[in-house]
């Protein structure tokens, strides 16, 4: 298992919809054999520039222990999820 940081920006929506998106990715990581060590919700922030016609976004950071195959699947699903503005997955050196 390797350590990763997964950060993503959710479109500004109702709080219930944002929670559903965050839970979707938390469950996806767990279903693929990974664990979410910590979840840090930074909240709604103003973006430096508009992304997909949005000037604001809701930032979420996961610290994850997972295999590379799990991370590849999470990246694939994040790319096709319309509710996300941006995402980034970084491997943390130990």
Protein backbone atom coordinates (compact mmCIF):
# COMPACT_ATOMS: atom_id res chain seq x y z
CA UNK A 1 0.00 0.00 0.00
CA UNK A 2 1.22 3.47 -0.89
CA UNK A 3 0.21 6.86 0.46
CA UNK A 4 -1.52 9.39 -1.78
CA UNK A 5 -3.13 12.79 -1.49
CA UNK A 6 -6.30 13.15 -3.53
CA UNK A 7 -7.60 16.69 -3.85
CA UNK A 8 -10.64 17.65 -5.86
CA UNK A 9 -12.89 20.65 -6.42
CA UNK A 10 -16.64 20.03 -6.52
CA UNK A 11 -18.98 22.37 -8.38
CA UNK A 12 -20.86 24.74 -6.07
CA UNK A 13 -24.10 22.90 -5.27
CA UNK A 14 -26.41 22.17 -2.35
CA UNK A 15 -24.66 20.74 0.71
CA UNK A 16 -26.42 17.37 0.33
CA UNK A 17 -25.21 17.05 -3.28
CA UNK A 18 -21.63 17.89 -2.26
CA UNK A 19 -21.79 15.30 0.53
CA UNK A 20 -23.03 12.72 -1.98
CA UNK A 21 -20.07 13.37 -4.30
CA UNK A 22 -17.57 13.15 -1.42
CA UNK A 23 -19.15 9.91 -0.16
CA UNK A 24 -19.11 8.49 -3.72
CA UNK A 25 -15.33 8.82 -3.93
CA UNK A 26 -14.76 7.66 -0.37
CA UNK A 27 -16.80 4.52 -1.13
CA UNK A 28 -15.02 4.03 -4.47
CA UNK A 29 -11.65 4.01 -2.72
CA UNK A 30 -12.89 1.53 -0.11
CA UNK A 31 -14.47 -0.73 -2.75
CA UNK A 32 -11.14 -0.93 -4.60
CA UNK A 33 -9.14 -1.98 -1.55
CA UNK A 34 -7.90 1.42 -0.37
CA UNK A 35 -8.51 3.29 2.87
CA UNK A 36 -9.19 6.98 3.44
CA UNK A 37 -6.93 7.86 6.38
CA UNK A 38 -8.27 11.41 6.73
CA UNK A 39 -10.75 13.67 5.01
CA UNK A 40 -10.24 17.43 5.12
CA UNK A 41 -13.02 19.62 3.75
CA UNK A 42 -11.62 23.07 3.03
CA UNK A 43 -15.02 24.42 2.07
CA UNK A 44 -16.14 26.80 -0.64
CA UNK A 45 -13.39 29.01 -2.06
CA UNK A 46 -13.21 31.55 -4.85
CA UNK A 47 -11.23 30.25 -7.82
CA UNK A 48 -8.39 32.22 -9.38
CA UNK A 49 -10.11 31.86 -12.76
CA UNK A 50 -13.37 30.40 -13.98
CA UNK A 51 -13.44 26.66 -14.59
CA UNK A 52 -16.41 25.28 -16.52
CA UNK A 53 -18.27 28.58 -15.97
CA UNK A 54 -17.85 28.39 -12.16
CA UNK A 55 -16.12 31.13 -10.16
CA UNK A 56 -16.27 29.13 -6.89
CA UNK A 57 -15.65 25.54 -5.89
CA UNK A 58 -15.79 23.27 -2.83
CA UNK A 59 -12.35 21.84 -2.01
CA UNK A 60 -11.85 18.37 -0.47
CA UNK A 61 -8.58 16.62 0.44
CA UNK A 62 -8.27 12.87 1.10
CA UNK A 63 -5.15 11.22 2.53
CA UNK A 64 -5.33 7.68 1.16
CA UNK A 65 -3.50 4.37 1.50
CA UNK A 66 -4.06 2.38 -1.69
CA UNK A 67 -2.55 0.27 -4.43
CA UNK A 68 -1.77 1.90 -7.81
CA UNK A 69 -4.68 0.05 -9.46
CA UNK A 70 -7.12 1.63 -6.99
CA UNK A 71 -5.73 5.09 -7.66
CA UNK A 72 -5.95 4.54 -11.42
CA UNK A 73 -9.64 3.63 -11.08
CA UNK A 74 -10.36 6.68 -8.90
CA UNK A 75 -8.59 8.91 -11.44
CA UNK A 76 -10.61 7.38 -14.28
CA UNK A 77 -13.92 7.95 -12.50
CA UNK A 78 -12.97 11.50 -11.50
CA UNK A 79 -12.22 12.35 -15.13
CA UNK A 80 -15.74 11.40 -16.22
CA UNK A 81 -17.64 12.90 -13.26
CA UNK A 82 -19.41 16.09 -14.30
CA UNK A 83 -19.75 17.36 -10.72
CA UNK A 84 -15.98 17.87 -10.39
CA UNK A 85 -14.20 20.94 -11.71
CA UNK A 86 -10.62 19.71 -11.17
CA UNK A 87 -8.79 16.92 -9.38
CA UNK A 88 -5.22 15.93 -8.63
CA UNK A 89 -3.70 12.77 -7.17
CA UNK A 90 -0.15 12.92 -5.77
CA UNK A 91 1.91 10.10 -4.30
CA UNK A 92 3.36 11.07 -0.92
CA UNK A 93 6.98 10.12 -0.35
CA UNK A 94 7.57 8.40 2.97
